[in-house]
Amino acid sequence: MLRITETVALAEWELTERFVRASGPGGQNVNKVSTAVELRFEAARSPHLPPDAKARLRRLAGRRWTVEGAVVIQADRFASQIRNREDARERLAALVAEALERPRPRIPTRPGAGARARRLDAKTHRGAVKKLRGAPETE
């Protein structure tokens, strides 16, 4: 069980781990040991996430969201399989926690009197600058 918040936890059946060979430097060991972790979370089928959180998770996940509705996280930062596994789980938990936060609704506001005055002054000044660019007046 992966605890996200006090009220939300992901069950183990929703998570699938696959250990693959990590890319990059690693000496002779890199071709023998599968230390990188590919953590897959079946987000679309998860009964623990509300629909609005699933929609936010899909937007936040970006390219990590698959066609089947799963979030795939690759972790190969460390040389140890255990640390990569912990890293992947922490990153998934952070992503889901961010998706669970409801954004504050935007309250539309009007510009203040000072802002309106500054805007009109800037327009007047700009018009005056453009007027000076014209051909000189002939008498």
N, C-alpha and C. Protein backbone atom coordinates (compact mmCIF):
# COMPACT_ATOMS: atom_id res chain seq x y z
N MET A 1 0.84 -1.17 0.00
CA MET A 1 0.00 0.00 0.00
C MET A 1 0.89 1.24 0.00
N LEU A 2 0.60 2.16 -0.91
CA LEU A 2 1.37 3.41 -1.03
C LEU A 2 0.48 4.55 -0.54
N ARG A 3 0.84 5.10 0.64
CA ARG A 3 0.04 6.17 1.24
C ARG A 3 0.39 7.49 0.59
N ILE A 4 -0.65 8.22 0.12
CA ILE A 4 -0.47 9.52 -0.51
C ILE A 4 -0.79 10.62 0.47
N THR A 5 -2.01 10.60 1.01
CA THR A 5 -2.43 11.53 2.06
C THR A 5 -3.02 10.71 3.19
N GLU A 6 -3.58 11.40 4.19
CA GLU A 6 -4.20 10.66 5.30
C GLU A 6 -5.45 9.90 4.85
N THR A 7 -6.10 10.40 3.79
CA THR A 7 -7.34 9.77 3.34
C THR A 7 -7.17 8.91 2.10
N VAL A 8 -6.10 9.12 1.33
CA VAL A 8 -5.92 8.40 0.07
C VAL A 8 -4.67 7.52 0.14
N ALA A 9 -4.84 6.26 -0.22
CA ALA A 9 -3.73 5.31 -0.33
C ALA A 9 -3.98 4.44 -1.56
N LEU A 10 -2.92 4.11 -2.26
CA LEU A 10 -3.04 3.28 -3.46
C LEU A 10 -2.77 1.82 -3.09
N ALA A 11 -3.61 0.94 -3.58
CA ALA A 11 -3.45 -0.49 -3.29
C ALA A 11 -2.32 -1.07 -4.14
N GLU A 12 -1.76 -2.17 -3.68
CA GLU A 12 -0.64 -2.80 -4.39
C GLU A 12 -1.03 -3.33 -5.77
N TRP A 13 -2.32 -3.74 -5.95
CA TRP A 13 -2.74 -4.27 -7.26
C TRP A 13 -2.74 -3.18 -8.33
N GLU A 14 -2.77 -1.90 -7.93
CA GLU A 14 -2.75 -0.79 -8.88
C GLU A 14 -1.34 -0.48 -9.37
N LEU A 15 -0.35 -0.99 -8.66
CA LEU A 15 1.05 -0.70 -8.99
C LEU A 15 1.74 -1.93 -9.55
N THR A 16 2.49 -1.72 -10.64
CA THR A 16 3.27 -2.80 -11.23
C THR A 16 4.70 -2.30 -11.39
N GLU A 17 5.64 -3.09 -10.89
CA GLU A 17 7.06 -2.72 -11.01
C GLU A 17 7.74 -3.68 -11.97
N ARG A 18 8.59 -3.09 -12.81
CA ARG A 18 9.38 -3.91 -13.73
C ARG A 18 10.81 -3.40 -13.65
N PHE A 19 11.74 -4.30 -13.49
CA PHE A 19 13.14 -3.92 -13.38
C PHE A 19 13.82 -4.12 -14.72
N VAL A 20 14.43 -3.04 -15.22
CA VAL A 20 15.08 -3.07 -16.53
C VAL A 20 16.50 -2.60 -16.39
N ARG A 21 17.29 -2.82 -17.42
CA ARG A 21 18.68 -2.36 -17.39
C ARG A 21 18.72 -0.85 -17.57
N ALA A 22 19.51 -0.22 -16.74
CA ALA A 22 19.62 1.24 -16.80
C ALA A 22 20.54 1.65 -17.93
N SER A 23 20.26 2.81 -18.52
CA SER A 23 21.15 3.34 -19.55
C SER A 23 22.24 4.17 -18.88
N GLY A 24 23.24 4.53 -19.64
CA GLY A 24 24.29 5.38 -19.11
C GLY A 24 25.47 4.59 -18.58
N PRO A 25 26.41 5.31 -17.96
CA PRO A 25 27.64 4.66 -17.48
C PRO A 25 27.37 3.72 -16.31
N GLY A 26 28.20 2.72 -16.19
CA GLY A 26 28.05 1.78 -15.08
C GLY A 26 29.12 0.71 -15.11
N GLY A 27 30.03 0.82 -16.05
CA GLY A 27 31.12 -0.15 -16.11
C GLY A 27 30.63 -1.50 -16.60
N GLN A 28 31.31 -2.54 -16.15
CA GLN A 28 30.98 -3.90 -16.60
C GLN A 28 29.63 -4.36 -16.04
N ASN A 29 29.21 -3.76 -14.93
CA ASN A 29 27.99 -4.18 -14.25
C ASN A 29 26.73 -3.79 -15.01
N VAL A 30 26.82 -2.74 -15.86
CA VAL A 30 25.62 -2.17 -16.48
C VAL A 30 24.90 -3.17 -17.38
N ASN A 31 25.62 -4.10 -17.98
CA ASN A 31 24.99 -5.07 -18.88
C ASN A 31 24.48 -6.32 -18.17
N LYS A 32 24.75 -6.43 -16.86
CA LYS A 32 24.37 -7.63 -16.14
C LYS A 32 23.21 -7.43 -15.17
N VAL A 33 23.12 -6.23 -14.59
CA VAL A 33 22.18 -6.00 -13.49
C VAL A 33 21.05 -5.07 -13.93
N SER A 34 19.82 -5.46 -13.64
CA SER A 34 18.67 -4.61 -13.96
C SER A 34 18.34 -3.75 -12.75
N THR A 35 18.89 -2.54 -12.71
CA THR A 35 18.71 -1.67 -11.55
C THR A 35 17.63 -0.61 -11.77
N ALA A 36 17.33 -0.27 -13.00
CA ALA A 36 16.31 0.75 -13.26
C ALA A 36 14.92 0.18 -12.99
N VAL A 37 14.02 1.03 -12.54
CA VAL A 37 12.66 0.60 -12.21
C VAL A 37 11.68 1.33 -13.11
N GLU A 38 10.72 0.58 -13.62
CA GLU A 38 9.61 1.15 -14.38
C GLU A 38 8.35 0.88 -13.55
N LEU A 39 7.86 1.92 -12.90
CA LEU A 39 6.68 1.81 -12.03
C LEU A 39 5.45 2.23 -12.82
N ARG A 40 4.44 1.36 -12.84
CA ARG A 40 3.22 1.61 -13.61
C ARG A 40 2.04 1.66 -12.64
N PHE A 41 1.30 2.77 -12.70
CA PHE A 41 0.12 2.96 -11.84
C PHE A 41 -1.11 3.03 -12.72
N GLU A 42 -2.04 2.10 -12.52
CA GLU A 42 -3.27 2.05 -13.31
C GLU A 42 -4.23 3.11 -12.79
N ALA A 43 -4.02 4.35 -13.23
CA ALA A 43 -4.76 5.49 -12.69
C ALA A 43 -6.22 5.51 -13.14
N ALA A 44 -6.48 5.19 -14.39
CA ALA A 44 -7.85 5.26 -14.92
C ALA A 44 -8.77 4.25 -14.22
N ARG A 45 -8.23 3.11 -13.78
CA ARG A 45 -9.04 2.08 -13.13
C ARG A 45 -9.05 2.20 -11.62
N SER A 46 -8.33 3.17 -11.08
CA SER A 46 -8.19 3.28 -9.63
C SER A 46 -9.47 3.74 -8.96
N PRO A 47 -9.98 2.97 -7.99
CA PRO A 47 -11.17 3.40 -7.27
C PRO A 47 -10.85 4.41 -6.16
N HIS A 48 -9.56 4.63 -5.89
CA HIS A 48 -9.15 5.49 -4.79
C HIS A 48 -9.04 6.96 -5.18
N LEU A 49 -9.07 7.26 -6.48
CA LEU A 49 -8.95 8.65 -6.93
C LEU A 49 -10.30 9.16 -7.45
N PRO A 50 -10.70 10.37 -7.04
CA PRO A 50 -11.93 10.94 -7.60
C PRO A 50 -11.72 11.32 -9.07
N PRO A 51 -12.79 11.40 -9.85
CA PRO A 51 -12.66 11.70 -11.28
C PRO A 51 -11.94 13.02 -11.59
N ASP A 52 -12.19 14.06 -10.77
CA ASP A 52 -11.51 15.33 -11.04
C ASP A 52 -10.00 15.22 -10.80
N ALA A 53 -9.60 14.42 -9.80
CA ALA A 53 -8.17 14.21 -9.54
C ALA A 53 -7.54 13.41 -10.68
N LYS A 54 -8.29 12.47 -11.26
CA LYS A 54 -7.77 11.69 -12.40
C LYS A 54 -7.52 12.61 -13.59
N ALA A 55 -8.43 13.55 -13.82
CA ALA A 55 -8.26 14.49 -14.93
C ALA A 55 -7.04 15.37 -14.71
N ARG A 56 -6.85 15.85 -13.47
CA ARG A 56 -5.66 16.68 -13.17
C ARG A 56 -4.39 15.85 -13.29
N LEU A 57 -4.45 14.57 -12.85
CA LEU A 57 -3.28 13.69 -12.94
C LEU A 57 -2.90 13.45 -14.40
N ARG A 58 -3.90 13.28 -15.25
CA ARG A 58 -3.62 13.07 -16.67
C ARG A 58 -2.90 14.28 -17.27
N ARG A 59 -3.35 15.49 -16.89
CA ARG A 59 -2.72 16.72 -17.39
C ARG A 59 -1.31 16.87 -16.83
N LEU A 60 -1.13 16.56 -15.55
CA LEU A 60 0.19 16.69 -14.92
C LEU A 60 1.18 15.64 -15.42
N ALA A 61 0.69 14.43 -15.70
CA ALA A 61 1.58 13.34 -16.12
C ALA A 61 2.14 13.59 -17.51
N GLY A 62 1.36 14.20 -18.38
CA GLY A 62 1.85 14.50 -19.74
C GLY A 62 2.18 13.24 -20.51
N ARG A 63 3.43 13.12 -20.97
CA ARG A 63 3.85 11.97 -21.78
C ARG A 63 3.93 10.69 -20.99
N ARG A 64 3.91 10.79 -19.67
CA ARG A 64 3.98 9.57 -18.83
C ARG A 64 2.63 8.86 -18.77
N TRP A 65 1.56 9.50 -19.24
CA TRP A 65 0.22 8.89 -19.28
C TRP A 65 0.11 8.05 -20.55
N THR A 66 -0.29 6.78 -20.40
CA THR A 66 -0.40 5.89 -21.56
C THR A 66 -1.81 5.90 -22.12
N VAL A 67 -1.98 5.27 -23.28
CA VAL A 67 -3.29 5.17 -23.93
C VAL A 67 -4.26 4.37 -23.05
N GLU A 68 -3.74 3.40 -22.31
CA GLU A 68 -4.59 2.56 -21.46
C GLU A 68 -5.01 3.27 -20.17
N GLY A 69 -4.46 4.45 -19.92
CA GLY A 69 -4.82 5.19 -18.71
C GLY A 69 -3.93 4.87 -17.53
N ALA A 70 -2.67 4.55 -17.78
CA ALA A 70 -1.73 4.27 -16.71
C ALA A 70 -0.64 5.35 -16.70
N VAL A 71 -0.08 5.59 -15.53
CA VAL A 71 1.05 6.51 -15.39
C VAL A 71 2.30 5.65 -15.24
N VAL A 72 3.29 5.89 -16.12
CA VAL A 72 4.54 5.11 -16.09
C VAL A 72 5.67 6.04 -15.66
N ILE A 73 6.37 5.64 -14.59
CA ILE A 73 7.49 6.43 -14.08
C ILE A 73 8.75 5.60 -14.17
N GLN A 74 9.76 6.17 -14.82
CA GLN A 74 11.07 5.52 -14.96
C GLN A 74 12.00 6.08 -13.89
N ALA A 75 12.71 5.21 -13.18
CA ALA A 75 13.66 5.65 -12.16
C ALA A 75 14.98 4.92 -12.37
N ASP A 76 16.00 5.67 -12.79
CA ASP A 76 17.33 5.06 -12.94
C ASP A 76 18.41 6.01 -12.45
N ARG A 77 18.04 6.83 -11.47
CA ARG A 77 18.96 7.83 -10.94
C ARG A 77 20.09 7.21 -10.12
N PHE A 78 19.79 6.11 -9.43
CA PHE A 78 20.76 5.49 -8.53
C PHE A 78 21.27 4.18 -9.10
N ALA A 79 22.38 3.71 -8.56
CA ALA A 79 22.96 2.43 -8.99
C ALA A 79 22.31 1.25 -8.28
N SER A 80 21.52 1.54 -7.25
CA SER A 80 20.88 0.49 -6.46
C SER A 80 19.42 0.31 -6.87
N GLN A 81 19.00 -0.93 -7.02
CA GLN A 81 17.62 -1.24 -7.39
C GLN A 81 16.65 -0.77 -6.31
N ILE A 82 17.03 -0.95 -5.05
CA ILE A 82 16.15 -0.58 -3.92
C ILE A 82 15.94 0.93 -3.89
N ARG A 83 17.02 1.70 -4.08
CA ARG A 83 16.89 3.17 -4.05
C ARG A 83 16.10 3.67 -5.25
N ASN A 84 16.26 3.04 -6.41
CA ASN A 84 15.47 3.42 -7.58
C ASN A 84 13.99 3.13 -7.35
N ARG A 85 13.71 2.03 -6.69
CA ARG A 85 12.32 1.65 -6.39
C ARG A 85 11.68 2.68 -5.46
N GLU A 86 12.42 3.08 -4.42
CA GLU A 86 11.93 4.10 -3.49
C GLU A 86 11.73 5.43 -4.20
N ASP A 87 12.68 5.78 -5.07
CA ASP A 87 12.61 7.03 -5.82
C ASP A 87 11.37 7.07 -6.71
N ALA A 88 11.08 5.97 -7.40
CA ALA A 88 9.91 5.90 -8.28
C ALA A 88 8.63 6.04 -7.47
N ARG A 89 8.56 5.37 -6.33
CA ARG A 89 7.36 5.44 -5.50
C ARG A 89 7.17 6.85 -4.93
N GLU A 90 8.26 7.50 -4.52
CA GLU A 90 8.17 8.87 -4.00
C GLU A 90 7.70 9.83 -5.09
N ARG A 91 8.23 9.68 -6.30
CA ARG A 91 7.84 10.56 -7.40
C ARG A 91 6.37 10.36 -7.78
N LEU A 92 5.91 9.10 -7.76
CA LEU A 92 4.50 8.83 -8.05
C LEU A 92 3.62 9.44 -6.97
N ALA A 93 4.01 9.27 -5.71
CA ALA A 93 3.22 9.82 -4.60
C ALA A 93 3.14 11.34 -4.70
N ALA A 94 4.24 11.99 -5.06
CA ALA A 94 4.24 13.45 -5.20
C ALA A 94 3.32 13.89 -6.34
N LEU A 95 3.35 13.15 -7.44
CA LEU A 95 2.52 13.48 -8.60
C LEU A 95 1.03 13.32 -8.27
N VAL A 96 0.67 12.23 -7.60
CA VAL A 96 -0.73 11.99 -7.24
C VAL A 96 -1.18 13.00 -6.19
N ALA A 97 -0.30 13.34 -5.24
CA ALA A 97 -0.65 14.33 -4.21
C ALA A 97 -0.92 15.69 -4.85
N GLU A 98 -0.13 16.05 -5.86
CA GLU A 98 -0.35 17.31 -6.56
C GLU A 98 -1.68 17.30 -7.31
N ALA A 99 -2.03 16.14 -7.88
CA ALA A 99 -3.29 16.02 -8.61
C ALA A 99 -4.49 16.06 -7.66
N LEU A 100 -4.30 15.63 -6.42
CA LEU A 100 -5.41 15.63 -5.45
C LEU A 100 -5.74 17.03 -4.94
N GLU A 101 -4.80 17.97 -5.05
CA GLU A 101 -5.04 19.33 -4.58
C GLU A 101 -5.98 20.04 -5.55
N ARG A 102 -7.08 20.54 -5.03
CA ARG A 102 -8.02 21.29 -5.87
C ARG A 102 -7.48 22.71 -6.05
N PRO A 103 -7.42 23.19 -7.28
CA PRO A 103 -6.95 24.56 -7.48
C PRO A 103 -7.98 25.57 -6.97
N ARG A 104 -7.49 26.67 -6.41
CA ARG A 104 -8.40 27.72 -5.94
C ARG A 104 -9.07 28.35 -7.14
N PRO A 105 -10.39 28.57 -7.08
CA PRO A 105 -11.04 29.21 -8.22
C PRO A 105 -10.58 30.65 -8.36
N ARG A 106 -10.39 31.07 -9.60
CA ARG A 106 -9.94 32.43 -9.85
C ARG A 106 -11.12 33.37 -9.71
N ILE A 107 -10.94 34.43 -8.93
CA ILE A 107 -11.98 35.43 -8.75
C ILE A 107 -11.65 36.59 -9.68
N PRO A 108 -12.50 36.85 -10.69
CA PRO A 108 -12.17 37.92 -11.63
C PRO A 108 -12.21 39.28 -10.93
N THR A 109 -11.24 40.12 -11.22
CA THR A 109 -11.15 41.44 -10.61
C THR A 109 -11.08 42.50 -11.70
N ARG A 110 -11.36 43.74 -11.31
CA ARG A 110 -11.28 44.85 -12.25
C ARG A 110 -10.02 45.64 -11.95
N PRO A 111 -9.45 46.29 -12.98
CA PRO A 111 -8.28 47.13 -12.72
C PRO A 111 -8.67 48.34 -11.88
N GLY A 112 -7.76 48.75 -11.01
CA GLY A 112 -8.01 49.89 -10.13
C GLY A 112 -7.94 51.21 -10.89
N ALA A 113 -8.32 52.29 -10.21
CA ALA A 113 -8.33 53.62 -10.83
C ALA A 113 -6.93 54.04 -11.24
N GLY A 114 -5.95 53.74 -10.40
CA GLY A 114 -4.55 54.11 -10.71
C GLY A 114 -4.06 53.39 -11.95
N ALA A 115 -4.39 52.11 -12.08
CA ALA A 115 -3.97 51.33 -13.25
C ALA A 115 -4.60 51.88 -14.51
N ARG A 116 -5.90 52.25 -14.42
CA ARG A 116 -6.58 52.83 -15.58
C ARG A 116 -5.93 54.14 -15.99
N ALA A 117 -5.61 54.99 -15.00
CA ALA A 117 -4.98 56.29 -15.29
C ALA A 117 -3.61 56.09 -15.93
N ARG A 118 -2.82 55.15 -15.41
CA ARG A 118 -1.49 54.89 -15.99
C ARG A 118 -1.60 54.41 -17.42
N ARG A 119 -2.59 53.54 -17.70
CA ARG A 119 -2.78 53.04 -19.05
C ARG A 119 -3.13 54.17 -20.01
N LEU A 120 -4.04 55.05 -19.61
CA LEU A 120 -4.44 56.16 -20.48
C LEU A 120 -3.30 57.14 -20.69
N ASP A 121 -2.51 57.39 -19.63
CA ASP A 121 -1.33 58.27 -19.76
C ASP A 121 -0.34 57.68 -20.76
N ALA A 122 -0.12 56.37 -20.68
CA ALA A 122 0.82 55.71 -21.58
C ALA A 122 0.33 55.81 -23.02
N LYS A 123 -0.98 55.66 -23.22
CA LYS A 123 -1.54 55.77 -24.57
C LYS A 123 -1.37 57.19 -25.11
N THR A 124 -1.61 58.19 -24.28
CA THR A 124 -1.45 59.59 -24.69
C THR A 124 0.00 59.87 -25.07
N HIS A 125 0.91 59.41 -24.22
CA HIS A 125 2.35 59.62 -24.47
C HIS A 125 2.78 58.94 -25.77
N ARG A 126 2.31 57.71 -25.98
CA ARG A 126 2.67 56.97 -27.19
C ARG A 126 2.13 57.68 -28.44
N GLY A 127 0.89 58.22 -28.35
CA GLY A 127 0.31 58.96 -29.46
C GLY A 127 1.12 60.20 -29.80
N ALA A 128 1.59 60.88 -28.74
CA ALA A 128 2.40 62.09 -28.94
C ALA A 128 3.71 61.74 -29.63
N VAL A 129 4.35 60.64 -29.24
CA VAL A 129 5.61 60.20 -29.86
C VAL A 129 5.38 59.92 -31.34
N LYS A 130 4.27 59.24 -31.65
CA LYS A 130 3.98 58.90 -33.05
C LYS A 130 3.69 60.15 -33.87
N LYS A 131 3.03 61.13 -33.27
CA LYS A 131 2.70 62.37 -33.98
C LYS A 131 3.97 63.12 -34.36
N LEU A 132 5.00 63.03 -33.51
CA LEU A 132 6.29 63.72 -33.79
C LEU A 132 7.01 63.09 -34.96
N ARG A 133 6.68 61.86 -35.34
CA ARG A 133 7.37 61.18 -36.43
C ARG A 133 6.91 61.70 -37.81
N GLY A 134 5.81 62.36 -37.88
CA GLY A 134 5.26 62.81 -39.15
C GLY A 134 6.14 63.88 -39.80
N ALA A 135 5.78 64.22 -41.03
CA ALA A 135 6.51 65.27 -41.75
C ALA A 135 6.27 66.61 -41.07
N PRO A 136 7.28 67.49 -41.10
CA PRO A 136 7.10 68.81 -40.46
C PRO A 136 6.04 69.64 -41.16
N GLU A 137 5.35 70.43 -40.36
CA GLU A 137 4.27 71.25 -40.89
C GLU A 137 4.87 72.39 -41.73
N THR A 138 4.29 72.69 -42.88
CA THR A 138 4.76 73.80 -43.73
C THR A 138 3.84 74.99 -43.55
N GLU A 139 4.40 76.19 -43.66
CA GLU A 139 3.61 77.41 -43.43
C GLU A 139 3.09 77.98 -44.73
